[in-house]
Amino acid sequence: METVAILVDVQNVYYTTRSAYRKNFDYNGFWAAATTNRQVVGAYAYAVDRGDEKQRQFQNILRAIGFEVKLKPFIQRADGSAKGDWDVGITIDALEAAAQADIVVLVSGDGDFAILVDKIRQSHGKTVEVYGVPKLTAKALMDAANRFIAIDEALLLG
């Protein structure tokens, strides 16, 4: 049985699905699609912690599905800008996952990850599947993946 590691950029998938479809991502449906006939060796959901109850409930749902939820505090800067980026954390975990899994699944449309996907494929010889909203996913990321899976109506709630 193939092994799989899953890494979800929660903020990216939330904003892209809301922008493109005005709907939320179906994490249960995604889990079923990404893990069928595969052994999960790691599953991580990366989110920004704003400390509200609704968010905590959502994080508990992710944990119940099978994700380890990794949180970073939301930082509001004095100039009004905000920070809560997980790119470095996702990159480190993805490289570690590539040592354990046959397949690395990344859920994000962020083009910054194209270099990471190339590295996992070329240096580690692993298969990388990228899930993203087609019109909001960087072409470089889609091209870098072995397989791009569109987040469309089949992976949305409602």
C-alpha atoms as a PDB file:
ATOM      1  CA  MET A   1       0.000   0.000   0.000  1.00  0.00           C
ATOM      2  CA  GLU A   2       1.266   3.459  -0.878  1.00  0.00           C
ATOM      3  CA  THR A   3       2.038   5.856   1.945  1.00  0.00           C
ATOM      4  CA  VAL A   4       0.896   9.458   1.899  1.00  0.00           C
ATOM      5  CA  ALA A   5       1.665  12.650   3.790  1.00  0.00           C
ATOM      6  CA  ILE A   6      -0.856  15.488   3.615  1.00  0.00           C
ATOM      7  CA  LEU A   7      -0.125  19.190   4.180  1.00  0.00           C
ATOM      8  CA  VAL A   8      -2.965  21.723   4.078  1.00  0.00           C
ATOM      9  CA  ASP A   9      -2.432  25.480   3.945  1.00  0.00           C
ATOM     10  CA  VAL A  10      -5.725  26.237   5.733  1.00  0.00           C
ATOM     11  CA  GLN A  11      -5.719  29.997   5.177  1.00  0.00           C
ATOM     12  CA  ASN A  12      -4.971  29.629   1.472  1.00  0.00           C
ATOM     13  CA  VAL A  13      -7.695  27.044   0.854  1.00  0.00           C
ATOM     14  CA  TYR A  14     -10.213  29.051   2.888  1.00  0.00           C
ATOM     15  CA  TYR A  15      -9.658  32.300   0.997  1.00  0.00           C
ATOM     16  CA  THR A  16      -9.383  30.747  -2.471  1.00  0.00           C
ATOM     17  CA  THR A  17     -12.539  28.634  -2.157  1.00  0.00           C
ATOM     18  CA  ARG A  18     -14.470  31.574  -0.692  1.00  0.00           C
ATOM     19  CA  SER A  19     -13.239  33.912  -3.434  1.00  0.00           C
ATOM     20  CA  ALA A  20     -13.828  31.553  -6.356  1.00  0.00           C
ATOM     21  CA  TYR A  21     -16.981  29.754  -5.222  1.00  0.00           C
ATOM     22  CA  ARG A  22     -18.336  31.508  -2.114  1.00  0.00           C
ATOM     23  CA  LYS A  23     -18.236  28.088  -0.433  1.00  0.00           C
ATOM     24  CA  ASN A  24     -16.076  26.219   2.061  1.00  0.00           C
ATOM     25  CA  PHE A  25     -13.673  23.360   1.409  1.00  0.00           C
ATOM     26  CA  ASP A  26     -14.984  19.890   2.258  1.00  0.00           C
ATOM     27  CA  TYR A  27     -12.227  18.473   4.457  1.00  0.00           C
ATOM     28  CA  ASN A  28     -14.016  15.137   4.916  1.00  0.00           C
ATOM     29  CA  GLY A  29     -14.483  14.713   1.175  1.00  0.00           C
ATOM     30  CA  PHE A  30     -10.886  15.702   0.557  1.00  0.00           C
ATOM     31  CA  TRP A  31      -9.631  13.241   3.192  1.00  0.00           C
ATOM     32  CA  ALA A  32     -11.580  10.427   1.548  1.00  0.00           C
ATOM     33  CA  ALA A  33     -10.207  11.308  -1.899  1.00  0.00           C
ATOM     34  CA  ALA A  34      -6.592  11.737  -0.787  1.00  0.00           C
ATOM     35  CA  THR A  35      -6.355   8.680   1.463  1.00  0.00           C
ATOM     36  CA  THR A  36      -8.335   5.935  -0.301  1.00  0.00           C
ATOM     37  CA  ASN A  37      -6.135   2.818  -0.547  1.00  0.00           C
ATOM     38  CA  ARG A  38      -3.262   4.715   1.057  1.00  0.00           C
ATOM     39  CA  GLN A  39      -1.649   4.584   4.476  1.00  0.00           C
ATOM     40  CA  VAL A  40      -1.402   8.031   6.046  1.00  0.00           C
ATOM     41  CA  VAL A  41       2.023   8.629   7.617  1.00  0.00           C
ATOM     42  CA  GLY A  42       1.364  12.277   8.449  1.00  0.00           C
ATOM     43  CA  ALA A  43      -1.427  14.808   8.005  1.00  0.00           C
ATOM     44  CA  TYR A  44      -0.971  18.439   8.956  1.00  0.00           C
ATOM     45  CA  ALA A  45      -3.287  21.420   8.798  1.00  0.00           C
ATOM     46  CA  TYR A  46      -1.539  24.786   9.179  1.00  0.00           C
ATOM     47  CA  ALA A  47      -3.648  27.627  10.535  1.00  0.00           C
ATOM     48  CA  VAL A  48      -3.436  31.019  12.169  1.00  0.00           C
ATOM     49  CA  ASP A  49      -4.770  31.164  15.708  1.00  0.00           C
ATOM     50  CA  ARG A  50      -7.029  34.135  16.339  1.00  0.00           C
ATOM     51  CA  GLY A  51      -8.294  32.615  19.581  1.00  0.00           C
ATOM     52  CA  ASP A  52     -12.025  32.589  18.868  1.00  0.00           C
ATOM     53  CA  GLU A  53     -14.424  29.769  19.768  1.00  0.00           C
ATOM     54  CA  LYS A  54     -15.691  29.099  16.236  1.00  0.00           C
ATOM     55  CA  GLN A  55     -12.112  28.633  15.093  1.00  0.00           C
ATOM     56  CA  ARG A  56     -11.390  26.239  17.976  1.00  0.00           C
ATOM     57  CA  GLN A  57     -14.413  24.156  16.972  1.00  0.00           C
ATOM     58  CA  PHE A  58     -13.173  24.012  13.384  1.00  0.00           C
ATOM     59  CA  GLN A  59      -9.719  22.946  14.572  1.00  0.00           C
ATOM     60  CA  ASN A  60     -11.315  20.153  16.632  1.00  0.00           C
ATOM     61  CA  ILE A  61     -13.150  18.955  13.515  1.00  0.00           C
ATOM     62  CA  LEU A  62      -9.829  18.816  11.661  1.00  0.00           C
ATOM     63  CA  ARG A  63      -8.312  16.802  14.516  1.00  0.00           C
ATOM     64  CA  ALA A  64     -11.276  14.393  14.464  1.00  0.00           C
ATOM     65  CA  ILE A  65     -10.749  13.832  10.731  1.00  0.00           C
ATOM     66  CA  GLY A  66      -7.109  12.900  11.380  1.00  0.00           C
ATOM     67  CA  PHE A  67      -5.074  16.076  11.018  1.00  0.00           C
ATOM     68  CA  GLU A  68      -2.470  17.353  13.407  1.00  0.00           C
ATOM     69  CA  VAL A  69      -3.356  21.038  13.611  1.00  0.00           C
ATOM     70  CA  LYS A  70      -0.395  23.378  13.736  1.00  0.00           C
ATOM     71  CA  LEU A  71      -1.141  26.887  14.920  1.00  0.00           C
ATOM     72  CA  LYS A  72       0.741  30.130  14.619  1.00  0.00           C
ATOM     73  CA  PRO A  73      -0.417  33.248  16.442  1.00  0.00           C
ATOM     74  CA  PHE A  74      -2.029  35.981  14.388  1.00  0.00           C
ATOM     75  CA  ILE A  75       0.184  39.072  14.542  1.00  0.00           C
ATOM     76  CA  GLN A  76      -1.268  42.504  13.917  1.00  0.00           C
ATOM     77  CA  ARG A  77       1.511  44.991  13.202  1.00  0.00           C
ATOM     78  CA  ALA A  78       1.473  48.630  14.307  1.00  0.00           C
ATOM     79  CA  ASP A  79       1.112  49.741  10.679  1.00  0.00           C
ATOM     80  CA  GLY A  80      -2.129  47.738  10.361  1.00  0.00           C
ATOM     81  CA  SER A  81      -0.667  44.889   8.311  1.00  0.00           C
ATOM     82  CA  ALA A  82      -0.963  41.313   9.537  1.00  0.00           C
ATOM     83  CA  LYS A  83       1.304  38.289   9.605  1.00  0.00           C
ATOM     84  CA  GLY A  84       0.481  34.617   9.955  1.00  0.00           C
ATOM     85  CA  ASP A  85       2.408  32.857   7.225  1.00  0.00           C
ATOM     86  CA  TRP A  86       3.189  29.121   7.419  1.00  0.00           C
ATOM     87  CA  ASP A  87       5.354  28.793   4.271  1.00  0.00           C
ATOM     88  CA  VAL A  88       8.573  27.912   6.105  1.00  0.00           C
ATOM     89  CA  GLY A  89       6.840  25.463   8.461  1.00  0.00           C
ATOM     90  CA  ILE A  90       5.051  23.732   5.586  1.00  0.00           C
ATOM     91  CA  THR A  91       8.318  23.508   3.659  1.00  0.00           C
ATOM     92  CA  ILE A  92      10.224  21.923   6.535  1.00  0.00           C
ATOM     93  CA  ASP A  93       7.446  19.424   7.250  1.00  0.00           C
ATOM     94  CA  ALA A  94       7.051  18.573   3.556  1.00  0.00           C
ATOM     95  CA  LEU A  95      10.757  17.800   3.207  1.00  0.00           C
ATOM     96  CA  GLU A  96      10.615  15.596   6.312  1.00  0.00           C
ATOM     97  CA  ALA A  97       7.443  13.905   5.013  1.00  0.00           C
ATOM     98  CA  ALA A  98       9.153  13.174   1.705  1.00  0.00           C
ATOM     99  CA  ALA A  99      11.560  10.928   3.602  1.00  0.00           C
ATOM    100  CA  GLN A 100       8.639   8.840   4.926  1.00  0.00           C
ATOM    101  CA  ALA A 101       5.905   8.903   2.278  1.00  0.00           C
ATOM    102  CA  ASP A 102       5.580   7.694  -1.298  1.00  0.00           C
ATOM    103  CA  ILE A 103       3.208  10.556  -2.081  1.00  0.00           C
ATOM    104  CA  VAL A 104       3.150  14.092  -0.703  1.00  0.00           C
ATOM    105  CA  VAL A 105      -0.176  15.899  -1.004  1.00  0.00           C
ATOM    106  CA  LEU A 106      -0.123  19.689  -0.757  1.00  0.00           C
ATOM    107  CA  VAL A 107      -3.317  21.711  -0.563  1.00  0.00           C
ATOM    108  CA  SER A 108      -2.436  25.264  -1.553  1.00  0.00           C
ATOM    109  CA  GLY A 109      -2.384  27.549  -4.534  1.00  0.00           C
ATOM    110  CA  ASP A 110       0.685  29.469  -3.379  1.00  0.00           C
ATOM    111  CA  GLY A 111       3.283  29.659  -6.135  1.00  0.00           C
ATOM    112  CA  ASP A 112       6.066  29.919  -3.564  1.00  0.00           C
ATOM    113  CA  PHE A 113       5.676  26.162  -3.116  1.00  0.00           C
ATOM    114  CA  ALA A 114       6.662  25.355  -6.721  1.00  0.00           C
ATOM    115  CA  ILE A 115      10.342  25.198  -5.722  1.00  0.00           C
ATOM    116  CA  LEU A 116       9.470  22.863  -2.837  1.00  0.00           C
ATOM    117  CA  VAL A 117       7.455  20.565  -5.103  1.00  0.00           C
ATOM    118  CA  ASP A 118      10.321  20.446  -7.617  1.00  0.00           C
ATOM    119  CA  LYS A 119      12.754  19.553  -4.816  1.00  0.00           C
ATOM    120  CA  ILE A 120      10.565  16.739  -3.483  1.00  0.00           C
ATOM    121  CA  ARG A 121      10.120  15.276  -6.953  1.00  0.00           C
ATOM    122  CA  GLN A 122      13.708  15.634  -8.158  1.00  0.00           C
ATOM    123  CA  SER A 123      15.813  15.104  -5.037  1.00  0.00           C
ATOM    124  CA  HIS A 124      13.561  12.651  -3.216  1.00  0.00           C
ATOM    125  CA  GLY A 125      11.938  10.950  -6.214  1.00  0.00           C
ATOM    126  CA  LYS A 126       8.490  11.266  -4.681  1.00  0.00           C
ATOM    127  CA  THR A 127       5.118  11.870  -6.275  1.00  0.00           C
ATOM    128  CA  VAL A 128       3.528  15.209  -5.402  1.00  0.00           C
ATOM    129  CA  GLU A 129      -0.169  15.900  -5.759  1.00  0.00           C
ATOM    130  CA  VAL A 130      -1.347  19.493  -5.468  1.00  0.00           C
ATOM    131  CA  TYR A 131      -4.957  20.395  -4.751  1.00  0.00           C
ATOM    132  CA  GLY A 132      -5.941  23.963  -5.541  1.00  0.00           C
ATOM    133  CA  VAL A 133      -8.611  26.248  -6.958  1.00  0.00           C
ATOM    134  CA  PRO A 134      -7.633  26.305 -10.655  1.00  0.00           C
ATOM    135  CA  LYS A 135      -8.036  30.026 -11.351  1.00  0.00           C
ATOM    136  CA  LEU A 136      -6.302  30.971  -8.078  1.00  0.00           C
ATOM    137  CA  THR A 137      -3.442  28.461  -8.127  1.00  0.00           C
ATOM    138  CA  ALA A 138      -0.077  29.555  -9.488  1.00  0.00           C
ATOM    139  CA  LYS A 139       0.706  27.980 -12.860  1.00  0.00           C
ATOM    140  CA  ALA A 140       4.248  27.249 -11.659  1.00  0.00           C
ATOM    141  CA  LEU A 141       2.834  25.166  -8.790  1.00  0.00           C
ATOM    142  CA  MET A 142       0.461  23.259 -11.070  1.00  0.00           C
ATOM    143  CA  ASP A 143       3.290  22.580 -13.518  1.00  0.00           C
ATOM    144  CA  ALA A 144       5.665  21.416 -10.775  1.00  0.00           C
ATOM    145  CA  ALA A 145       3.268  18.770  -9.434  1.00  0.00           C
ATOM    146  CA  ASN A 146       3.041  15.240 -10.762  1.00  0.00           C
ATOM    147  CA  ARG A 147      -0.697  15.670 -10.535  1.00  0.00           C
ATOM    148  CA  PHE A 148      -2.874  18.770 -10.065  1.00  0.00           C
ATOM    149  CA  ILE A 149      -6.326  18.100  -8.646  1.00  0.00           C
ATOM    150  CA  ALA A 150      -8.792  20.923  -9.029  1.00  0.00           C
ATOM    151  CA  ILE A 151     -10.766  22.007  -6.003  1.00  0.00           C
ATOM    152  CA  ASP A 152     -14.192  22.308  -7.561  1.00  0.00           C
ATOM    153  CA  GLU A 153     -17.806  21.558  -6.618  1.00  0.00           C
ATOM    154  CA  ALA A 154     -16.920  17.942  -5.725  1.00  0.00           C
ATOM    155  CA  LEU A 155     -14.646  19.177  -2.892  1.00  0.00           C
ATOM    156  CA  LEU A 156     -16.881  21.961  -1.586  1.00  0.00           C
ATOM    157  CA  LEU A 157     -19.575  22.063   1.071  1.00  0.00           C
ATOM    158  CA  GLY A 158     -23.120  23.021   0.203  1.00  0.00           C
END
